[in-house]
Amino acid sequence: MGKKIKEAAVTFNIPPKMVQNDRGETVEVILSYADYQTFLRFLVDNVDWELLPKYLQDAVDHLLAEEARAEQGDDPCRPLAEILAELEIELEEDATPQ
């Protein structure tokens, strides 16, 4: 993996709980959900996407999807074809999903 992630501070509302194995090594960190979201936002802002392991990329994707759903408010989901028709954009025949 050769690349380094720059060190920076993240402020949490509740101190994280560290879980250690019998050798005293930290093997797990427990965060509140709000602090977990803060941590993920920190990763989005400060870490190259390619450096993140797949499980953190998935977590960030989930966070961003949650935020997008929250921003929708009262707007219901609508089919793409309906929106394109409103904008008077014609969907090409071969562009429809198979």
N, C-alpha and C. Protein backbone atom coordinates (compact mmCIF):
# COMPACT_ATOMS: atom_id res chain seq x y z
N MET A 1 0.83 -1.19 0.00
CA MET A 1 0.00 0.00 0.00
C MET A 1 0.86 1.25 0.00
N GLY A 2 2.02 1.36 0.21
CA GLY A 2 3.01 2.41 0.09
C GLY A 2 2.61 3.85 0.35
N LYS A 3 1.35 4.25 0.13
CA LYS A 3 0.95 5.63 0.33
C LYS A 3 0.59 5.86 1.78
N LYS A 4 0.80 7.10 2.23
CA LYS A 4 0.51 7.44 3.63
C LYS A 4 -0.73 8.33 3.69
N ILE A 5 -1.48 8.17 4.74
CA ILE A 5 -2.62 9.03 5.00
C ILE A 5 -2.16 10.09 5.98
N LYS A 6 -2.41 11.37 5.62
CA LYS A 6 -1.94 12.43 6.52
C LYS A 6 -2.68 12.36 7.86
N GLU A 7 -1.97 12.72 8.90
CA GLU A 7 -2.54 12.66 10.24
C GLU A 7 -3.33 13.94 10.51
N ALA A 8 -4.50 13.80 11.07
CA ALA A 8 -5.33 14.94 11.41
C ALA A 8 -6.20 14.56 12.59
N ALA A 9 -6.74 15.57 13.24
CA ALA A 9 -7.55 15.32 14.43
C ALA A 9 -9.03 15.35 14.07
N VAL A 10 -9.78 14.47 14.68
CA VAL A 10 -11.23 14.45 14.57
C VAL A 10 -11.76 14.59 15.98
N THR A 11 -12.71 15.51 16.18
CA THR A 11 -13.28 15.72 17.50
C THR A 11 -14.57 14.93 17.63
N PHE A 12 -14.65 14.10 18.66
CA PHE A 12 -15.84 13.30 18.90
C PHE A 12 -16.61 13.87 20.08
N ASN A 13 -17.94 13.71 20.06
CA ASN A 13 -18.79 14.17 21.16
C ASN A 13 -18.66 13.26 22.38
N ILE A 14 -18.54 11.98 22.13
CA ILE A 14 -18.40 10.99 23.21
C ILE A 14 -17.06 10.30 23.01
N PRO A 15 -16.23 10.23 24.03
CA PRO A 15 -14.93 9.57 23.85
C PRO A 15 -15.10 8.14 23.35
N PRO A 16 -14.32 7.75 22.34
CA PRO A 16 -14.43 6.38 21.84
C PRO A 16 -13.96 5.37 22.87
N LYS A 17 -14.55 4.20 22.84
CA LYS A 17 -14.13 3.11 23.73
C LYS A 17 -13.18 2.22 22.96
N MET A 18 -12.03 1.94 23.55
CA MET A 18 -11.03 1.09 22.91
C MET A 18 -11.15 -0.33 23.45
N VAL A 19 -11.11 -1.29 22.56
CA VAL A 19 -11.14 -2.70 22.93
C VAL A 19 -9.76 -3.26 22.62
N GLN A 20 -9.16 -3.89 23.63
CA GLN A 20 -7.82 -4.44 23.45
C GLN A 20 -7.82 -5.95 23.61
N ASN A 21 -6.86 -6.57 22.92
CA ASN A 21 -6.71 -8.02 23.08
C ASN A 21 -5.86 -8.30 24.31
N ASP A 22 -5.54 -9.56 24.56
CA ASP A 22 -4.80 -9.91 25.77
C ASP A 22 -3.35 -9.43 25.75
N ARG A 23 -2.87 -8.97 24.60
CA ARG A 23 -1.51 -8.40 24.53
C ARG A 23 -1.53 -6.88 24.70
N GLY A 24 -2.71 -6.31 24.91
CA GLY A 24 -2.84 -4.87 25.10
C GLY A 24 -2.92 -4.08 23.81
N GLU A 25 -3.04 -4.76 22.68
CA GLU A 25 -3.15 -4.08 21.39
C GLU A 25 -4.60 -3.69 21.14
N THR A 26 -4.81 -2.47 20.64
CA THR A 26 -6.16 -2.03 20.31
C THR A 26 -6.62 -2.79 19.06
N VAL A 27 -7.73 -3.48 19.19
CA VAL A 27 -8.26 -4.27 18.08
C VAL A 27 -9.61 -3.76 17.59
N GLU A 28 -10.21 -2.85 18.34
CA GLU A 28 -11.53 -2.35 17.99
C GLU A 28 -11.73 -1.01 18.66
N VAL A 29 -12.47 -0.13 17.99
CA VAL A 29 -12.84 1.17 18.57
C VAL A 29 -14.35 1.29 18.43
N ILE A 30 -15.01 1.63 19.52
CA ILE A 30 -16.46 1.76 19.52
C ILE A 30 -16.81 3.24 19.59
N LEU A 31 -17.61 3.70 18.60
CA LEU A 31 -18.03 5.10 18.52
C LEU A 31 -19.55 5.19 18.59
N SER A 32 -20.04 6.35 19.03
CA SER A 32 -21.48 6.59 18.91
C SER A 32 -21.79 6.74 17.42
N TYR A 33 -23.06 6.59 17.05
CA TYR A 33 -23.41 6.68 15.63
C TYR A 33 -23.09 8.07 15.08
N ALA A 34 -23.37 9.12 15.85
CA ALA A 34 -23.07 10.49 15.39
C ALA A 34 -21.57 10.67 15.18
N ASP A 35 -20.76 10.13 16.09
CA ASP A 35 -19.31 10.23 15.94
C ASP A 35 -18.81 9.39 14.77
N TYR A 36 -19.45 8.26 14.52
CA TYR A 36 -19.11 7.42 13.37
C TYR A 36 -19.36 8.20 12.08
N GLN A 37 -20.50 8.92 12.02
CA GLN A 37 -20.79 9.75 10.86
C GLN A 37 -19.74 10.86 10.71
N THR A 38 -19.34 11.47 11.82
CA THR A 38 -18.29 12.49 11.79
C THR A 38 -16.99 11.92 11.24
N PHE A 39 -16.65 10.73 11.69
CA PHE A 39 -15.44 10.06 11.22
C PHE A 39 -15.51 9.80 9.71
N LEU A 40 -16.65 9.33 9.24
CA LEU A 40 -16.79 9.06 7.80
C LEU A 40 -16.70 10.35 6.99
N ARG A 41 -17.30 11.43 7.50
CA ARG A 41 -17.20 12.72 6.80
C ARG A 41 -15.75 13.19 6.75
N PHE A 42 -15.01 12.96 7.83
CA PHE A 42 -13.59 13.29 7.86
C PHE A 42 -12.86 12.52 6.75
N LEU A 43 -13.16 11.24 6.62
CA LEU A 43 -12.52 10.44 5.57
C LEU A 43 -12.83 10.99 4.18
N VAL A 44 -14.09 11.37 3.96
CA VAL A 44 -14.48 11.92 2.66
C VAL A 44 -13.66 13.17 2.35
N ASP A 45 -13.46 14.02 3.34
CA ASP A 45 -12.77 15.30 3.13
C ASP A 45 -11.25 15.18 3.07
N ASN A 46 -10.67 14.17 3.70
CA ASN A 46 -9.22 14.17 3.88
C ASN A 46 -8.45 12.97 3.34
N VAL A 47 -9.13 11.95 2.87
CA VAL A 47 -8.42 10.74 2.46
C VAL A 47 -8.74 10.41 1.01
N ASP A 48 -7.71 10.04 0.27
CA ASP A 48 -7.87 9.60 -1.11
C ASP A 48 -8.75 8.35 -1.13
N TRP A 49 -9.79 8.38 -1.94
CA TRP A 49 -10.76 7.27 -2.01
C TRP A 49 -10.07 5.93 -2.24
N GLU A 50 -9.05 5.92 -3.07
CA GLU A 50 -8.36 4.67 -3.42
C GLU A 50 -7.60 4.08 -2.23
N LEU A 51 -7.30 4.88 -1.22
CA LEU A 51 -6.59 4.39 -0.04
C LEU A 51 -7.52 3.72 0.97
N LEU A 52 -8.83 3.97 0.82
CA LEU A 52 -9.78 3.39 1.78
C LEU A 52 -10.05 1.93 1.46
N PRO A 53 -10.12 1.09 2.50
CA PRO A 53 -10.52 -0.30 2.26
C PRO A 53 -11.97 -0.35 1.78
N LYS A 54 -12.33 -1.40 1.11
CA LYS A 54 -13.67 -1.54 0.52
C LYS A 54 -14.78 -1.34 1.55
N TYR A 55 -14.61 -1.85 2.77
CA TYR A 55 -15.68 -1.72 3.77
C TYR A 55 -15.90 -0.26 4.17
N LEU A 56 -14.83 0.56 4.16
CA LEU A 56 -15.02 1.98 4.47
C LEU A 56 -15.60 2.73 3.27
N GLN A 57 -15.24 2.33 2.06
CA GLN A 57 -15.87 2.91 0.88
C GLN A 57 -17.37 2.65 0.91
N ASP A 58 -17.76 1.43 1.28
CA ASP A 58 -19.18 1.07 1.39
C ASP A 58 -19.87 1.89 2.47
N ALA A 59 -19.20 2.09 3.60
CA ALA A 59 -19.78 2.87 4.70
C ALA A 59 -19.99 4.32 4.28
N VAL A 60 -19.01 4.89 3.56
CA VAL A 60 -19.14 6.26 3.07
C VAL A 60 -20.28 6.35 2.06
N ASP A 61 -20.36 5.38 1.15
CA ASP A 61 -21.47 5.36 0.19
C ASP A 61 -22.81 5.35 0.90
N HIS A 62 -22.92 4.53 1.94
CA HIS A 62 -24.17 4.43 2.72
C HIS A 62 -24.49 5.77 3.39
N LEU A 63 -23.47 6.41 3.98
CA LEU A 63 -23.67 7.70 4.63
C LEU A 63 -24.16 8.74 3.62
N LEU A 64 -23.52 8.81 2.46
CA LEU A 64 -23.91 9.79 1.45
C LEU A 64 -25.31 9.51 0.93
N ALA A 65 -25.68 8.24 0.80
CA ALA A 65 -27.04 7.89 0.37
C ALA A 65 -28.06 8.32 1.42
N GLU A 66 -27.74 8.10 2.70
CA GLU A 66 -28.63 8.54 3.79
C GLU A 66 -28.83 10.05 3.75
N GLU A 67 -27.73 10.79 3.54
CA GLU A 67 -27.82 12.25 3.49
C GLU A 67 -28.64 12.70 2.29
N ALA A 68 -28.48 12.04 1.15
CA ALA A 68 -29.26 12.39 -0.04
C ALA A 68 -30.74 12.14 0.19
N ARG A 69 -31.08 11.01 0.83
CA ARG A 69 -32.49 10.72 1.14
C ARG A 69 -33.05 11.77 2.10
N ALA A 70 -32.26 12.18 3.07
CA ALA A 70 -32.72 13.18 4.04
C ALA A 70 -32.96 14.53 3.37
N GLU A 71 -32.15 14.85 2.36
CA GLU A 71 -32.31 16.12 1.65
C GLU A 71 -33.54 16.13 0.76
N GLN A 72 -34.03 14.97 0.36
CA GLN A 72 -35.18 14.89 -0.53
C GLN A 72 -36.42 15.50 0.10
N GLY A 73 -36.53 15.39 1.39
CA GLY A 73 -37.69 15.93 2.07
C GLY A 73 -38.98 15.30 1.58
N ASP A 74 -39.91 16.15 1.13
CA ASP A 74 -41.23 15.67 0.71
C ASP A 74 -41.27 15.27 -0.76
N ASP A 75 -40.19 15.48 -1.50
CA ASP A 75 -40.17 15.12 -2.92
C ASP A 75 -40.15 13.61 -3.07
N PRO A 76 -41.20 13.05 -3.67
CA PRO A 76 -41.20 11.60 -3.87
C PRO A 76 -40.24 11.21 -4.99
N CYS A 77 -39.78 9.98 -4.97
CA CYS A 77 -38.95 9.46 -6.06
C CYS A 77 -39.83 9.36 -7.30
N ARG A 78 -39.24 9.74 -8.44
CA ARG A 78 -39.99 9.66 -9.69
C ARG A 78 -39.15 8.96 -10.74
N PRO A 79 -39.80 8.31 -11.68
CA PRO A 79 -39.06 7.63 -12.75
C PRO A 79 -38.29 8.64 -13.61
N LEU A 80 -37.12 8.23 -14.07
CA LEU A 80 -36.29 9.09 -14.90
C LEU A 80 -37.03 9.53 -16.16
N ALA A 81 -37.77 8.63 -16.78
CA ALA A 81 -38.50 8.96 -18.01
C ALA A 81 -39.48 10.12 -17.78
N GLU A 82 -40.12 10.13 -16.61
CA GLU A 82 -41.07 11.20 -16.28
C GLU A 82 -40.35 12.55 -16.15
N ILE A 83 -39.22 12.56 -15.50
CA ILE A 83 -38.45 13.80 -15.32
C ILE A 83 -37.93 14.29 -16.66
N LEU A 84 -37.43 13.38 -17.49
CA LEU A 84 -36.93 13.77 -18.82
C LEU A 84 -38.06 14.34 -19.67
N ALA A 85 -39.26 13.76 -19.58
CA ALA A 85 -40.41 14.27 -20.33
C ALA A 85 -40.75 15.69 -19.89
N GLU A 86 -40.70 15.95 -18.59
CA GLU A 86 -40.94 17.30 -18.07
C GLU A 86 -39.95 18.30 -18.63
N LEU A 87 -38.71 17.86 -18.76
CA LEU A 87 -37.65 18.73 -19.28
C LEU A 87 -37.60 18.73 -20.81
N GLU A 88 -38.56 18.02 -21.41
CA GLU A 88 -38.66 17.89 -22.86
C GLU A 88 -37.38 17.31 -23.47
N ILE A 89 -36.84 16.30 -22.78
CA ILE A 89 -35.67 15.58 -23.27
C ILE A 89 -36.15 14.19 -23.65
N GLU A 90 -35.85 13.82 -24.88
CA GLU A 90 -36.32 12.53 -25.38
C GLU A 90 -35.30 11.44 -25.05
N LEU A 91 -35.78 10.35 -24.52
CA LEU A 91 -34.92 9.21 -24.20
C LEU A 91 -34.76 8.36 -25.45
N GLU A 92 -33.52 8.11 -25.86
CA GLU A 92 -33.27 7.32 -27.07
C GLU A 92 -33.70 5.88 -26.83
N GLU A 93 -34.16 5.24 -27.89
CA GLU A 93 -34.63 3.85 -27.81
C GLU A 93 -33.57 2.91 -27.26
N ASP A 94 -32.33 3.02 -27.77
CA ASP A 94 -31.29 2.09 -27.35
C ASP A 94 -30.69 2.42 -26.00
N ALA A 95 -31.14 3.52 -25.38
CA ALA A 95 -30.61 3.92 -24.07
C ALA A 95 -31.42 3.32 -22.93
N THR A 96 -32.54 2.69 -23.23
CA THR A 96 -33.35 2.12 -22.16
C THR A 96 -32.69 0.86 -21.62
N PRO A 97 -32.79 0.65 -20.31
CA PRO A 97 -32.18 -0.54 -19.71
C PRO A 97 -32.82 -1.81 -20.25
N GLN A 98 -32.05 -2.83 -20.41
CA GLN A 98 -32.53 -4.11 -20.93
C GLN A 98 -32.88 -5.04 -19.80
